[in-house]
């Protein structure tokens, strides 16, 4: 990854310029990590039986 830094008059880094493709790859990776975090957070929650989910979806479609 090629990066450029913007600096203030004292030479301190204040911003970074990252190529768009690298930025998009970083965003995608962060989204994946967030998904994994949510799975880990919810792994002990009770599951919903598949037939109940199908009934729920059927009810939603019937309301339309």
PDB file of N, CA and C in Angstrom:
ATOM      1  N   UNK A   1       0.859  -1.165   0.000  1.00  0.00           N
ATOM      2  CA  UNK A   1       0.000   0.000   0.000  1.00  0.00           C
ATOM      3  C   UNK A   1       0.905   1.228   0.000  1.00  0.00           C
ATOM      4  N   UNK A   2       0.688   2.097  -0.958  1.00  0.00           N
ATOM      5  CA  UNK A   2       1.427   3.346  -1.027  1.00  0.00           C
ATOM      6  C   UNK A   2       0.601   4.426  -0.350  1.00  0.00           C
ATOM      7  N   UNK A   3       1.156   5.049   0.658  1.00  0.00           N
ATOM      8  CA  UNK A   3       0.433   6.087   1.375  1.00  0.00           C
ATOM      9  C   UNK A   3       1.227   7.376   1.337  1.00  0.00           C
ATOM     10  N   UNK A   4       0.508   8.468   1.457  1.00  0.00           N
ATOM     11  CA  UNK A   4       1.131   9.781   1.576  1.00  0.00           C
ATOM     12  C   UNK A   4       0.572  10.424   2.833  1.00  0.00           C
ATOM     13  N   UNK A   5       1.417  11.186   3.500  1.00  0.00           N
ATOM     14  CA  UNK A   5       0.983  11.859   4.713  1.00  0.00           C
ATOM     15  C   UNK A   5       0.988  13.360   4.493  1.00  0.00           C
ATOM     16  N   UNK A   6      -0.032  14.011   5.003  1.00  0.00           N
ATOM     17  CA  UNK A   6      -0.074  15.461   5.018  1.00  0.00           C
ATOM     18  C   UNK A   6       0.414  15.894   6.387  1.00  0.00           C
ATOM     19  N   UNK A   7       1.242  16.909   6.410  1.00  0.00           N
ATOM     20  CA  UNK A   7       1.823  17.352   7.665  1.00  0.00           C
ATOM     21  C   UNK A   7       1.504  18.825   7.902  1.00  0.00           C
ATOM     22  N   UNK A   8       1.501  19.204   9.174  1.00  0.00           N
ATOM     23  CA  UNK A   8       1.292  20.609   9.505  1.00  0.00           C
ATOM     24  C   UNK A   8       2.633  21.351   9.437  1.00  0.00           C
ATOM     25  N   UNK A   9       2.626  22.608   9.814  1.00  0.00           N
ATOM     26  CA  UNK A   9       3.848  23.415   9.715  1.00  0.00           C
ATOM     27  C   UNK A   9       4.951  22.940  10.654  1.00  0.00           C
ATOM     28  N   UNK A  10       4.586  22.125  11.641  1.00  0.00           N
ATOM     29  CA  UNK A  10       5.585  21.564  12.565  1.00  0.00           C
ATOM     30  C   UNK A  10       6.067  20.182  12.126  1.00  0.00           C
ATOM     31  N   UNK A  11       5.568  19.711  10.991  1.00  0.00           N
ATOM     32  CA  UNK A  11       5.984  18.408  10.495  1.00  0.00           C
ATOM     33  C   UNK A  11       5.216  17.235  11.090  1.00  0.00           C
ATOM     34  N   UNK A  12       4.179  17.524  11.878  1.00  0.00           N
ATOM     35  CA  UNK A  12       3.365  16.445  12.455  1.00  0.00           C
ATOM     36  C   UNK A  12       2.351  15.959  11.425  1.00  0.00           C
ATOM     37  N   UNK A  13       2.203  14.671  11.351  1.00  0.00           N
ATOM     38  CA  UNK A  13       1.234  14.088  10.425  1.00  0.00           C
ATOM     39  C   UNK A  13      -0.179  14.442  10.869  1.00  0.00           C
ATOM     40  N   UNK A  14      -0.955  14.962   9.939  1.00  0.00           N
ATOM     41  CA  UNK A  14      -2.325  15.360  10.264  1.00  0.00           C
ATOM     42  C   UNK A  14      -3.358  14.612   9.437  1.00  0.00           C
ATOM     43  N   UNK A  15      -2.940  13.995   8.350  1.00  0.00           N
ATOM     44  CA  UNK A  15      -3.869  13.262   7.490  1.00  0.00           C
ATOM     45  C   UNK A  15      -3.071  12.262   6.661  1.00  0.00           C
ATOM     46  N   UNK A  16      -3.791  11.331   6.084  1.00  0.00           N
ATOM     47  CA  UNK A  16      -3.155  10.332   5.237  1.00  0.00           C
ATOM     48  C   UNK A  16      -3.954  10.198   3.949  1.00  0.00           C
ATOM     49  N   UNK A  17      -3.241  10.004   2.857  1.00  0.00           N
ATOM     50  CA  UNK A  17      -3.867   9.771   1.562  1.00  0.00           C
ATOM     51  C   UNK A  17      -3.587   8.320   1.196  1.00  0.00           C
ATOM     52  N   UNK A  18      -4.661   7.554   0.997  1.00  0.00           N
ATOM     53  CA  UNK A  18      -4.552   6.134   0.672  1.00  0.00           C
ATOM     54  C   UNK A  18      -5.202   5.923  -0.691  1.00  0.00           C
ATOM     55  N   UNK A  19      -4.595   5.139  -1.566  1.00  0.00           N
ATOM     56  CA  UNK A  19      -5.235   4.867  -2.852  1.00  0.00           C
ATOM     57  C   UNK A  19      -6.637   4.276  -2.648  1.00  0.00           C
ATOM     58  N   UNK A  20      -7.557   4.640  -3.525  1.00  0.00           N
ATOM     59  CA  UNK A  20      -8.958   4.248  -3.378  1.00  0.00           C
ATOM     60  C   UNK A  20      -9.127   2.739  -3.253  1.00  0.00           C
ATOM     61  N   UNK A  21      -8.456   1.969  -4.076  1.00  0.00           N
ATOM     62  CA  UNK A  21      -8.601   0.505  -4.015  1.00  0.00           C
ATOM     63  C   UNK A  21      -8.162  -0.027  -2.654  1.00  0.00           C
ATOM     64  N   UNK A  22      -7.096   0.529  -2.103  1.00  0.00           N
ATOM     65  CA  UNK A  22      -6.636   0.103  -0.776  1.00  0.00           C
ATOM     66  C   UNK A  22      -7.653   0.490   0.290  1.00  0.00           C
ATOM     67  N   UNK A  23      -8.206   1.690   0.164  1.00  0.00           N
ATOM     68  CA  UNK A  23      -9.213   2.138   1.122  1.00  0.00           C
ATOM     69  C   UNK A  23     -10.437   1.223   1.084  1.00  0.00           C
ATOM     70  N   UNK A  24     -10.912   0.909  -0.130  1.00  0.00           N
ATOM     71  CA  UNK A  24     -12.084   0.037  -0.260  1.00  0.00           C
ATOM     72  C   UNK A  24     -11.805  -1.349   0.309  1.00  0.00           C
ATOM     73  N   UNK A  25     -10.589  -1.852   0.117  1.00  0.00           N
ATOM     74  CA  UNK A  25     -10.224  -3.153   0.683  1.00  0.00           C
ATOM     75  C   UNK A  25     -10.221  -3.088   2.214  1.00  0.00           C
ATOM     76  N   UNK A  26      -9.748  -1.983   2.773  1.00  0.00           N
ATOM     77  CA  UNK A  26      -9.760  -1.823   4.229  1.00  0.00           C
ATOM     78  C   UNK A  26     -11.188  -1.767   4.764  1.00  0.00           C
ATOM     79  N   UNK A  27     -12.064  -1.048   4.072  1.00  0.00           N
ATOM     80  CA  UNK A  27     -13.467  -0.960   4.490  1.00  0.00           C
ATOM     81  C   UNK A  27     -14.112  -2.336   4.452  1.00  0.00           C
ATOM     82  N   UNK A  28     -13.856  -3.089   3.388  1.00  0.00           N
ATOM     83  CA  UNK A  28     -14.426  -4.437   3.275  1.00  0.00           C
ATOM     84  C   UNK A  28     -13.943  -5.324   4.423  1.00  0.00           C
ATOM     85  N   UNK A  29     -12.676  -5.230   4.730  1.00  0.00           N
ATOM     86  CA  UNK A  29     -12.121  -6.039   5.827  1.00  0.00           C
ATOM     87  C   UNK A  29     -12.749  -5.648   7.163  1.00  0.00           C
ATOM     88  N   UNK A  30     -12.930  -4.344   7.387  1.00  0.00           N
ATOM     89  CA  UNK A  30     -13.573  -3.894   8.625  1.00  0.00           C
ATOM     90  C   UNK A  30     -15.011  -4.396   8.717  1.00  0.00           C
ATOM     91  N   UNK A  31     -15.714  -4.416   7.594  1.00  0.00           N
ATOM     92  CA  UNK A  31     -17.085  -4.931   7.600  1.00  0.00           C
ATOM     93  C   UNK A  31     -17.103  -6.415   7.934  1.00  0.00           C
ATOM     94  N   UNK A  32     -16.143  -7.164   7.406  1.00  0.00           N
ATOM     95  CA  UNK A  32     -16.042  -8.592   7.724  1.00  0.00           C
ATOM     96  C   UNK A  32     -15.765  -8.784   9.217  1.00  0.00           C
ATOM     97  N   UNK A  33     -14.867  -7.992   9.757  1.00  0.00           N
ATOM     98  CA  UNK A  33     -14.555  -8.096  11.183  1.00  0.00           C
ATOM     99  C   UNK A  33     -15.773  -7.760  12.036  1.00  0.00           C
ATOM    100  N   UNK A  34     -16.556  -6.779  11.610  1.00  0.00           N
ATOM    101  CA  UNK A  34     -17.782  -6.431  12.336  1.00  0.00           C
ATOM    102  C   UNK A  34     -18.762  -7.601  12.300  1.00  0.00           C
ATOM    103  N   UNK A  35     -18.879  -8.267  11.146  1.00  0.00           N
ATOM    104  CA  UNK A  35     -19.750  -9.440  11.045  1.00  0.00           C
ATOM    105  C   UNK A  35     -19.305 -10.531  12.013  1.00  0.00           C
ATOM    106  N   UNK A  36     -18.002 -10.791  12.053  1.00  0.00           N
ATOM    107  CA  UNK A  36     -17.478 -11.807  12.968  1.00  0.00           C
ATOM    108  C   UNK A  36     -17.746 -11.423  14.417  1.00  0.00           C
ATOM    109  N   UNK A  37     -17.606 -10.136  14.738  1.00  0.00           N
ATOM    110  CA  UNK A  37     -17.864  -9.668  16.099  1.00  0.00           C
ATOM    111  C   UNK A  37     -19.324  -9.893  16.478  1.00  0.00           C
ATOM    112  N   UNK A  38     -20.238  -9.620  15.535  1.00  0.00           N
ATOM    113  CA  UNK A  38     -21.659  -9.830  15.813  1.00  0.00           C
ATOM    114  C   UNK A  38     -21.979 -11.308  16.006  1.00  0.00           C
ATOM    115  N   UNK A  39     -21.382 -12.152  15.208  1.00  0.00           N
ATOM    116  CA  UNK A  39     -21.593 -13.599  15.355  1.00  0.00           C
ATOM    117  C   UNK A  39     -21.110 -14.042  16.735  1.00  0.00           C
ATOM    118  N   UNK A  40     -19.932 -13.588  17.109  1.00  0.00           N
ATOM    119  CA  UNK A  40     -19.376 -13.958  18.416  1.00  0.00           C
ATOM    120  C   UNK A  40     -20.269 -13.450  19.542  1.00  0.00           C
ATOM    121  N   UNK A  41     -20.762 -12.233  19.395  1.00  0.00           N
ATOM    122  CA  UNK A  41     -21.610 -11.629  20.418  1.00  0.00           C
ATOM    123  C   UNK A  41     -22.931 -12.375  20.584  1.00  0.00           C
ATOM    124  N   UNK A  42     -23.441 -12.915  19.501  1.00  0.00           N
ATOM    125  CA  UNK A  42     -24.779 -13.528  19.519  1.00  0.00           C
ATOM    126  C   UNK A  42     -24.772 -15.047  19.530  1.00  0.00           C
ATOM    127  N   UNK A  43     -23.608 -15.650  19.613  1.00  0.00           N
ATOM    128  CA  UNK A  43     -23.552 -17.104  19.488  1.00  0.00           C
ATOM    129  C   UNK A  43     -24.286 -17.832  20.602  1.00  0.00           C
ATOM    130  N   UNK A  44     -24.498 -17.198  21.741  1.00  0.00           N
ATOM    131  CA  UNK A  44     -25.190 -17.849  22.853  1.00  0.00           C
ATOM    132  C   UNK A  44     -26.673 -17.525  22.910  1.00  0.00           C
ATOM    133  N   UNK A  45     -27.152 -16.735  21.948  1.00  0.00           N
ATOM    134  CA  UNK A  45     -28.583 -16.439  21.915  1.00  0.00           C
ATOM    135  C   UNK A  45     -29.348 -17.664  21.419  1.00  0.00           C
ATOM    136  N   UNK A  46     -30.575 -17.816  21.877  1.00  0.00           N
ATOM    137  CA  UNK A  46     -31.349 -18.968  21.394  1.00  0.00           C
ATOM    138  C   UNK A  46     -31.607 -18.855  19.901  1.00  0.00           C
ATOM    139  N   UNK A  47     -31.608 -19.980  19.236  1.00  0.00           N
ATOM    140  CA  UNK A  47     -31.843 -19.977  17.795  1.00  0.00           C
ATOM    141  C   UNK A  47     -33.343 -20.020  17.505  1.00  0.00           C
ATOM    142  N   UNK A  48     -33.696 -19.636  16.293  1.00  0.00           N
ATOM    143  CA  UNK A  48     -35.090 -19.666  15.857  1.00  0.00           C
ATOM    144  C   UNK A  48     -35.249 -20.876  14.940  1.00  0.00           C
ATOM    145  N   UNK A  49     -36.172 -21.764  15.246  1.00  0.00           N
ATOM    146  CA  UNK A  49     -36.373 -22.925  14.370  1.00  0.00           C
ATOM    147  C   UNK A  49     -36.726 -22.468  12.951  1.00  0.00           C
ATOM    148  N   UNK A  50     -36.277 -23.202  11.962  1.00  0.00           N
ATOM    149  CA  UNK A  50     -36.496 -22.835  10.569  1.00  0.00           C
ATOM    150  C   UNK A  50     -37.981 -22.725  10.250  1.00  0.00           C
ATOM    151  N   UNK A  51     -38.791 -23.632  10.743  1.00  0.00           N
ATOM    152  CA  UNK A  51     -40.217 -23.567  10.424  1.00  0.00           C
ATOM    153  C   UNK A  51     -40.834 -22.279  10.964  1.00  0.00           C
ATOM    154  N   UNK A  52     -40.355 -21.787  12.096  1.00  0.00           N
ATOM    155  CA  UNK A  52     -40.859 -20.536  12.648  1.00  0.00           C
ATOM    156  C   UNK A  52     -40.475 -19.362  11.755  1.00  0.00           C
ATOM    157  N   UNK A  53     -39.271 -19.394  11.226  1.00  0.00           N
ATOM    158  CA  UNK A  53     -38.817 -18.337  10.339  1.00  0.00           C
ATOM    159  C   UNK A  53     -39.643 -18.340   9.053  1.00  0.00           C
ATOM    160  N   UNK A  54     -39.929 -19.506   8.525  1.00  0.00           N
ATOM    161  CA  UNK A  54     -40.769 -19.598   7.324  1.00  0.00           C
ATOM    162  C   UNK A  54     -42.164 -19.052   7.604  1.00  0.00           C
ATOM    163  N   UNK A  55     -42.722 -19.379   8.768  1.00  0.00           N
ATOM    164  CA  UNK A  55     -44.042 -18.854   9.135  1.00  0.00           C
ATOM    165  C   UNK A  55     -44.001 -17.332   9.249  1.00  0.00           C
ATOM    166  N   UNK A  56     -42.952 -16.827   9.846  1.00  0.00           N
ATOM    167  CA  UNK A  56     -42.788 -15.378   9.986  1.00  0.00           C
ATOM    168  C   UNK A  56     -42.735 -14.696   8.628  1.00  0.00           C
ATOM    169  N   UNK A  57     -41.956 -15.253   7.718  1.00  0.00           N
ATOM    170  CA  UNK A  57     -41.865 -14.685   6.373  1.00  0.00           C
ATOM    171  C   UNK A  57     -43.195 -14.768   5.645  1.00  0.00           C
ATOM    172  N   UNK A  58     -43.918 -15.851   5.826  1.00  0.00           N
ATOM    173  CA  UNK A  58     -45.224 -15.999   5.196  1.00  0.00           C
ATOM    174  C   UNK A  58     -46.188 -14.946   5.731  1.00  0.00           C
ATOM    175  N   UNK A  59     -46.139 -14.680   7.023  1.00  0.00           N
ATOM    176  CA  UNK A  59     -46.989 -13.649   7.626  1.00  0.00           C
ATOM    177  C   UNK A  59     -46.666 -12.268   7.082  1.00  0.00           C
ATOM    178  N   UNK A  60     -45.379 -11.988   6.919  1.00  0.00           N
ATOM    179  CA  UNK A  60     -44.950 -10.696   6.379  1.00  0.00           C
ATOM    180  C   UNK A  60     -45.448 -10.548   4.938  1.00  0.00           C
ATOM    181  N   UNK A  61     -45.300 -11.594   4.159  1.00  0.00           N
ATOM    182  CA  UNK A  61     -45.754 -11.538   2.769  1.00  0.00           C
ATOM    183  C   UNK A  61     -47.269 -11.412   2.685  1.00  0.00           C
ATOM    184  N   UNK A  62     -47.985 -12.034   3.609  1.00  0.00           N
ATOM    185  CA  UNK A  62     -49.453 -11.955   3.615  1.00  0.00           C
ATOM    186  C   UNK A  62     -49.918 -10.545   3.938  1.00  0.00           C
ATOM    187  N   UNK A  63     -49.117  -9.817   4.734  1.00  0.00           N
ATOM    188  CA  UNK A  63     -49.493  -8.444   5.091  1.00  0.00           C
ATOM    189  C   UNK A  63     -49.320  -7.486   3.920  1.00  0.00           C
ATOM    190  N   UNK A  64     -48.521  -7.876   2.933  1.00  0.00           N
ATOM    191  CA  UNK A  64     -48.279  -6.996   1.771  1.00  0.00           C
ATOM    192  C   UNK A  64     -49.427  -7.048   0.859  1.00  0.00           C
TER     193      UNK A  64
END
